[in-house]
PDB file of N, CA and C in Angstrom:
ATOM      1  N   UNK A   1     -30.484  45.143  10.176  1.00  0.00           N
ATOM      2  CA  UNK A   1     -30.192  45.275  11.713  1.00  0.00           C
ATOM      3  C   UNK A   1     -29.045  46.388  11.729  1.00  0.00           C
ATOM      4  N   UNK A   2     -29.076  47.209  12.887  1.00  0.00           N
ATOM      5  CA  UNK A   2     -28.179  48.512  12.711  1.00  0.00           C
ATOM      6  C   UNK A   2     -27.224  48.193  13.923  1.00  0.00           C
ATOM      7  N   UNK A   3     -26.537  48.934  14.457  1.00  0.00           N
ATOM      8  CA  UNK A   3     -25.819  48.674  15.989  1.00  0.00           C
ATOM      9  C   UNK A   3     -25.249  50.296  15.762  1.00  0.00           C
ATOM     10  N   UNK A   4     -24.677  50.273  17.191  1.00  0.00           N
ATOM     11  CA  UNK A   4     -24.757  51.517  17.260  1.00  0.00           C
ATOM     12  C   UNK A   4     -23.082  51.282  18.558  1.00  0.00           C
ATOM     13  N   UNK A   5     -21.903  51.858  18.649  1.00  0.00           N
ATOM     14  CA  UNK A   5     -20.735  51.578  19.562  1.00  0.00           C
ATOM     15  C   UNK A   5     -20.217  52.786  19.971  1.00  0.00           C
ATOM     16  N   UNK A   6     -20.231  52.870  21.401  1.00  0.00           N
ATOM     17  CA  UNK A   6     -19.985  53.885  22.366  1.00  0.00           C
ATOM     18  C   UNK A   6     -18.168  54.284  22.298  1.00  0.00           C
ATOM     19  N   UNK A   7     -18.205  55.187  22.896  1.00  0.00           N
ATOM     20  CA  UNK A   7     -16.297  55.358  23.632  1.00  0.00           C
ATOM     21  C   UNK A   7     -15.879  54.348  23.824  1.00  0.00           C
ATOM     22  N   UNK A   8     -16.662  53.820  25.055  1.00  0.00           N
ATOM     23  CA  UNK A   8     -16.086  52.257  25.662  1.00  0.00           C
ATOM     24  C   UNK A   8     -16.401  51.107  24.536  1.00  0.00           C
ATOM     25  N   UNK A   9     -16.391  51.035  23.510  1.00  0.00           N
ATOM     26  CA  UNK A   9     -16.670  49.934  22.885  1.00  0.00           C
ATOM     27  C   UNK A   9     -17.873  48.882  23.211  1.00  0.00           C
ATOM     28  N   UNK A  10     -18.673  49.456  23.665  1.00  0.00           N
ATOM     29  CA  UNK A  10     -19.960  48.923  24.065  1.00  0.00           C
ATOM     30  C   UNK A  10     -21.038  49.217  22.838  1.00  0.00           C
ATOM     31  N   UNK A  11     -21.448  47.636  22.464  1.00  0.00           N
ATOM     32  CA  UNK A  11     -22.727  47.930  21.012  1.00  0.00           C
ATOM     33  C   UNK A  11     -23.649  47.928  21.615  1.00  0.00           C
ATOM     34  N   UNK A  12     -24.689  48.464  20.963  1.00  0.00           N
ATOM     35  CA  UNK A  12     -26.256  48.199  21.125  1.00  0.00           C
ATOM     36  C   UNK A  12     -26.525  47.544  19.515  1.00  0.00           C
ATOM     37  N   UNK A  13     -27.797  46.939  19.657  1.00  0.00           N
ATOM     38  CA  UNK A  13     -28.038  46.513  18.343  1.00  0.00           C
ATOM     39  C   UNK A  13     -29.457  46.221  18.299  1.00  0.00           C
ATOM     40  N   UNK A  14     -30.178  47.257  16.888  1.00  0.00           N
ATOM     41  CA  UNK A  14     -31.191  46.885  16.766  1.00  0.00           C
ATOM     42  C   UNK A  14     -32.119  46.148  15.521  1.00  0.00           C
ATOM     43  N   UNK A  15     -32.564  44.972  15.787  1.00  0.00           N
ATOM     44  CA  UNK A  15     -33.253  44.526  14.638  1.00  0.00           C
ATOM     45  C   UNK A  15     -34.682  44.862  14.625  1.00  0.00           C
ATOM     46  N   UNK A  16     -35.056  45.006  13.064  1.00  0.00           N
ATOM     47  CA  UNK A  16     -36.518  44.945  12.803  1.00  0.00           C
ATOM     48  C   UNK A  16     -37.008  43.417  11.894  1.00  0.00           C
ATOM     49  N   UNK A  17     -38.206  43.193  12.032  1.00  0.00           N
ATOM     50  CA  UNK A  17     -39.111  42.201  11.643  1.00  0.00           C
ATOM     51  C   UNK A  17     -40.056  42.546  10.588  1.00  0.00           C
ATOM     52  N   UNK A  18     -39.802  42.529   9.622  1.00  0.00           N
ATOM     53  CA  UNK A  18     -38.938  41.805   8.945  1.00  0.00           C
ATOM     54  C   UNK A  18     -38.009  42.592   8.393  1.00  0.00           C
ATOM     55  N   UNK A  19     -37.197  42.188   8.371  1.00  0.00           N
ATOM     56  CA  UNK A  19     -35.616  42.837   8.212  1.00  0.00           C
ATOM     57  C   UNK A  19     -35.756  43.943   6.626  1.00  0.00           C
ATOM     58  N   UNK A  20     -36.423  43.789   5.776  1.00  0.00           N
ATOM     59  CA  UNK A  20     -36.559  44.058   4.522  1.00  0.00           C
ATOM     60  C   UNK A  20     -37.886  43.971   3.605  1.00  0.00           C
ATOM     61  N   UNK A  21     -38.054  45.076   3.134  1.00  0.00           N
ATOM     62  CA  UNK A  21     -39.506  45.213   2.015  1.00  0.00           C
ATOM     63  C   UNK A  21     -40.704  45.085   2.760  1.00  0.00           C
ATOM     64  N   UNK A  22     -41.140  45.510   3.887  1.00  0.00           N
ATOM     65  CA  UNK A  22     -42.086  46.236   4.198  1.00  0.00           C
ATOM     66  C   UNK A  22     -41.844  47.138   5.613  1.00  0.00           C
ATOM     67  N   UNK A  23     -42.806  47.599   6.254  1.00  0.00           N
ATOM     68  CA  UNK A  23     -43.154  47.997   7.429  1.00  0.00           C
ATOM     69  C   UNK A  23     -42.656  47.622   8.699  1.00  0.00           C
ATOM     70  N   UNK A  24     -41.947  47.505   9.308  1.00  0.00           N
ATOM     71  CA  UNK A  24     -41.492  46.779  10.478  1.00  0.00           C
ATOM     72  C   UNK A  24     -42.689  46.514  11.447  1.00  0.00           C
ATOM     73  N   UNK A  25     -42.778  45.083  12.148  1.00  0.00           N
ATOM     74  CA  UNK A  25     -43.856  45.050  12.974  1.00  0.00           C
ATOM     75  C   UNK A  25     -43.420  44.687  14.153  1.00  0.00           C
ATOM     76  N   UNK A  26     -42.069  44.272  14.288  1.00  0.00           N
ATOM     77  CA  UNK A  26     -41.309  44.343  15.458  1.00  0.00           C
ATOM     78  C   UNK A  26     -40.139  44.811  15.466  1.00  0.00           C
ATOM     79  N   UNK A  27     -39.779  45.261  16.430  1.00  0.00           N
ATOM     80  CA  UNK A  27     -38.156  45.755  17.071  1.00  0.00           C
ATOM     81  C   UNK A  27     -37.903  45.186  18.369  1.00  0.00           C
ATOM     82  N   UNK A  28     -36.450  44.707  18.210  1.00  0.00           N
ATOM     83  CA  UNK A  28     -35.435  43.746  18.897  1.00  0.00           C
ATOM     84  C   UNK A  28     -34.528  44.810  19.229  1.00  0.00           C
ATOM     85  N   UNK A  29     -34.381  45.552  20.265  1.00  0.00           N
ATOM     86  CA  UNK A  29     -33.065  46.168  20.785  1.00  0.00           C
ATOM     87  C   UNK A  29     -32.387  45.334  21.831  1.00  0.00           C
ATOM     88  N   UNK A  30     -30.949  45.274  21.196  1.00  0.00           N
ATOM     89  CA  UNK A  30     -30.323  44.650  22.435  1.00  0.00           C
ATOM     90  C   UNK A  30     -29.111  45.216  23.161  1.00  0.00           C
ATOM     91  N   UNK A  31     -28.695  45.375  24.510  1.00  0.00           N
ATOM     92  CA  UNK A  31     -27.634  46.429  24.854  1.00  0.00           C
ATOM     93  C   UNK A  31     -26.358  45.632  24.852  1.00  0.00           C
ATOM     94  N   UNK A  32     -25.678  46.339  25.496  1.00  0.00           N
ATOM     95  CA  UNK A  32     -24.110  45.389  25.524  1.00  0.00           C
ATOM     96  C   UNK A  32     -24.015  44.361  26.535  1.00  0.00           C
ATOM     97  N   UNK A  33     -24.857  44.193  27.618  1.00  0.00           N
ATOM     98  CA  UNK A  33     -24.690  43.115  28.225  1.00  0.00           C
ATOM     99  C   UNK A  33     -25.897  41.884  27.920  1.00  0.00           C
ATOM    100  N   UNK A  34     -26.686  42.220  26.397  1.00  0.00           N
ATOM    101  CA  UNK A  34     -27.516  41.146  26.316  1.00  0.00           C
ATOM    102  C   UNK A  34     -28.357  41.103  26.873  1.00  0.00           C
ATOM    103  N   UNK A  35     -29.271  42.053  27.410  1.00  0.00           N
ATOM    104  CA  UNK A  35     -30.746  42.112  27.565  1.00  0.00           C
ATOM    105  C   UNK A  35     -31.642  42.725  26.263  1.00  0.00           C
ATOM    106  N   UNK A  36     -32.248  42.200  26.309  1.00  0.00           N
ATOM    107  CA  UNK A  36     -33.295  42.934  25.121  1.00  0.00           C
ATOM    108  C   UNK A  36     -34.302  43.456  25.597  1.00  0.00           C
ATOM    109  N   UNK A  37     -35.031  44.494  24.536  1.00  0.00           N
ATOM    110  CA  UNK A  37     -36.293  44.761  24.569  1.00  0.00           C
ATOM    111  C   UNK A  37     -36.709  44.744  23.346  1.00  0.00           C
ATOM    112  N   UNK A  38     -37.835  44.310  23.483  1.00  0.00           N
ATOM    113  CA  UNK A  38     -38.818  43.713  22.237  1.00  0.00           C
ATOM    114  C   UNK A  38     -40.023  44.931  22.223  1.00  0.00           C
ATOM    115  N   UNK A  39     -40.355  45.035  21.119  1.00  0.00           N
ATOM    116  CA  UNK A  39     -41.535  45.944  20.623  1.00  0.00           C
ATOM    117  C   UNK A  39     -42.262  45.473  19.209  1.00  0.00           C
ATOM    118  N   UNK A  40     -43.614  45.086  19.659  1.00  0.00           N
ATOM    119  CA  UNK A  40     -44.153  45.033  18.460  1.00  0.00           C
ATOM    120  C   UNK A  40     -45.238  46.159  18.280  1.00  0.00           C
ATOM    121  N   UNK A  41     -45.398  46.293  16.627  1.00  0.00           N
ATOM    122  CA  UNK A  41     -46.007  47.512  16.280  1.00  0.00           C
ATOM    123  C   UNK A  41     -46.926  46.937  15.549  1.00  0.00           C
ATOM    124  N   UNK A  42     -47.571  48.213  15.432  1.00  0.00           N
ATOM    125  CA  UNK A  42     -49.082  48.371  14.190  1.00  0.00           C
ATOM    126  C   UNK A  42     -48.319  48.841  13.089  1.00  0.00           C
ATOM    127  N   UNK A  43     -48.372  47.914  11.968  1.00  0.00           N
ATOM    128  CA  UNK A  43     -47.870  48.145  10.929  1.00  0.00           C
ATOM    129  C   UNK A  43     -48.679  49.641   9.888  1.00  0.00           C
ATOM    130  N   UNK A  44     -50.457  49.621  10.606  1.00  0.00           N
ATOM    131  CA  UNK A  44     -50.963  50.708   9.958  1.00  0.00           C
ATOM    132  C   UNK A  44     -50.658  52.074  10.641  1.00  0.00           C
ATOM    133  N   UNK A  45     -49.969  51.945  11.664  1.00  0.00           N
ATOM    134  CA  UNK A  45     -50.011  53.962  12.186  1.00  0.00           C
ATOM    135  C   UNK A  45     -48.539  53.685  12.753  1.00  0.00           C
ATOM    136  N   UNK A  46     -47.667  52.815  12.820  1.00  0.00           N
ATOM    137  CA  UNK A  46     -46.627  52.673  13.347  1.00  0.00           C
ATOM    138  C   UNK A  46     -46.480  52.608  15.197  1.00  0.00           C
ATOM    139  N   UNK A  47     -47.249  52.348  15.636  1.00  0.00           N
ATOM    140  CA  UNK A  47     -47.658  52.650  17.226  1.00  0.00           C
ATOM    141  C   UNK A  47     -47.092  51.258  17.760  1.00  0.00           C
ATOM    142  N   UNK A  48     -46.863  51.369  19.201  1.00  0.00           N
ATOM    143  CA  UNK A  48     -46.315  50.218  19.999  1.00  0.00           C
ATOM    144  C   UNK A  48     -47.576  49.451  20.408  1.00  0.00           C
ATOM    145  N   UNK A  49     -48.016  48.245  19.909  1.00  0.00           N
ATOM    146  CA  UNK A  49     -48.681  47.454  20.930  1.00  0.00           C
ATOM    147  C   UNK A  49     -48.736  46.860  22.033  1.00  0.00           C
ATOM    148  N   UNK A  50     -47.285  46.366  21.929  1.00  0.00           N
ATOM    149  CA  UNK A  50     -46.735  45.432  23.652  1.00  0.00           C
ATOM    150  C   UNK A  50     -45.322  45.846  23.390  1.00  0.00           C
ATOM    151  N   UNK A  51     -44.721  45.407  24.340  1.00  0.00           N
ATOM    152  CA  UNK A  51     -43.383  45.869  24.898  1.00  0.00           C
ATOM    153  C   UNK A  51     -42.932  44.758  25.572  1.00  0.00           C
ATOM    154  N   UNK A  52     -42.104  44.280  25.690  1.00  0.00           N
ATOM    155  CA  UNK A  52     -41.226  43.079  26.741  1.00  0.00           C
ATOM    156  C   UNK A  52     -39.618  43.470  26.794  1.00  0.00           C
ATOM    157  N   UNK A  53     -39.681  43.762  28.148  1.00  0.00           N
ATOM    158  CA  UNK A  53     -38.338  44.242  28.600  1.00  0.00           C
ATOM    159  C   UNK A  53     -37.283  43.541  29.191  1.00  0.00           C
ATOM    160  N   UNK A  54     -36.301  42.304  28.948  1.00  0.00           N
ATOM    161  CA  UNK A  54     -36.045  41.438  29.855  1.00  0.00           C
ATOM    162  C   UNK A  54     -34.774  41.782  30.867  1.00  0.00           C
ATOM    163  N   UNK A  55     -34.587  43.240  30.970  1.00  0.00           N
ATOM    164  CA  UNK A  55     -33.781  44.027  31.708  1.00  0.00           C
ATOM    165  C   UNK A  55     -34.382  43.772  33.142  1.00  0.00           C
ATOM    166  N   UNK A  56     -35.863  44.562  32.999  1.00  0.00           N
ATOM    167  CA  UNK A  56     -36.974  44.277  34.206  1.00  0.00           C
ATOM    168  C   UNK A  56     -36.852  43.228  34.894  1.00  0.00           C
ATOM    169  N   UNK A  57     -36.724  42.153  34.039  1.00  0.00           N
ATOM    170  CA  UNK A  57     -37.011  40.748  34.533  1.00  0.00           C
ATOM    171  C   UNK A  57     -35.630  40.392  35.273  1.00  0.00           C
ATOM    172  N   UNK A  58     -34.508  40.868  34.631  1.00  0.00           N
ATOM    173  CA  UNK A  58     -33.462  40.021  35.045  1.00  0.00           C
ATOM    174  C   UNK A  58     -32.956  41.290  36.148  1.00  0.00           C
ATOM    175  N   UNK A  59     -33.409  42.081  36.204  1.00  0.00           N
ATOM    176  CA  UNK A  59     -33.441  43.357  37.584  1.00  0.00           C
ATOM    177  C   UNK A  59     -34.272  42.795  38.722  1.00  0.00           C
ATOM    178  N   UNK A  60     -35.287  42.313  38.617  1.00  0.00           N
ATOM    179  CA  UNK A  60     -35.949  41.849  39.379  1.00  0.00           C
ATOM    180  C   UNK A  60     -35.456  40.674  40.499  1.00  0.00           C
ATOM    181  N   UNK A  61     -35.105  39.518  39.296  1.00  0.00           N
ATOM    182  CA  UNK A  61     -34.531  38.195  39.869  1.00  0.00           C
ATOM    183  C   UNK A  61     -32.998  38.808  40.651  1.00  0.00           C
ATOM    184  N   UNK A  62     -32.357  39.702  40.535  1.00  0.00           N
ATOM    185  CA  UNK A  62     -31.324  40.120  41.448  1.00  0.00           C
ATOM    186  C   UNK A  62     -31.857  40.819  42.484  1.00  0.00           C
ATOM    187  N   UNK A  63     -32.773  41.577  42.247  1.00  0.00           N
ATOM    188  CA  UNK A  63     -32.995  42.230  43.666  1.00  0.00           C
ATOM    189  C   UNK A  63     -33.718  41.069  44.527  1.00  0.00           C
ATOM    190  N   UNK A  64     -34.634  39.995  43.958  1.00  0.00           N
ATOM    191  CA  UNK A  64     -34.866  39.257  44.708  1.00  0.00           C
ATOM    192  C   UNK A  64     -33.695  38.282  45.554  1.00  0.00           C
ATOM    193  N   UNK A  65     -32.665  38.116  44.821  1.00  0.00           N
ATOM    194  CA  UNK A  65     -31.795  37.426  45.406  1.00  0.00           C
ATOM    195  C   UNK A  65     -30.591  38.077  46.605  1.00  0.00           C
ATOM    196  N   UNK A  66     -30.705  39.110  46.103  1.00  0.00           N
ATOM    197  CA  UNK A  66     -30.205  40.229  47.316  1.00  0.00           C
ATOM    198  C   UNK A  66     -30.940  40.018  48.663  1.00  0.00           C
ATOM    199  N   UNK A  67     -32.354  40.081  48.659  1.00  0.00           N
ATOM    200  CA  UNK A  67     -33.559  39.937  49.250  1.00  0.00           C
ATOM    201  C   UNK A  67     -33.293  38.924  50.599  1.00  0.00           C
ATOM    202  N   UNK A  68     -33.042  37.605  49.855  1.00  0.00           N
ATOM    203  CA  UNK A  68     -32.862  36.610  50.387  1.00  0.00           C
ATOM    204  C   UNK A  68     -31.706  36.500  51.336  1.00  0.00           C
ATOM    205  N   UNK A  69     -30.800  37.038  51.529  1.00  0.00           N
ATOM    206  CA  UNK A  69     -29.326  37.346  52.043  1.00  0.00           C
ATOM    207  C   UNK A  69     -29.741  38.001  53.159  1.00  0.00           C
TER     208      UNK A  69
END
């Protein structure tokens, strides 16, 4: 796992699966407020096969809640 902290003490973390021993097949990036972006990789080419972003799902829920008011 790697992490980066900005001048406001906000930390973004990146985890690789597997963590060691071979090329990663998945990365999980977690932003300071806990939203994650998961990318599954083709280990032979290193290209993204699938991507899931929980930030978009959370934002969509907030937009729907605002629309109901």
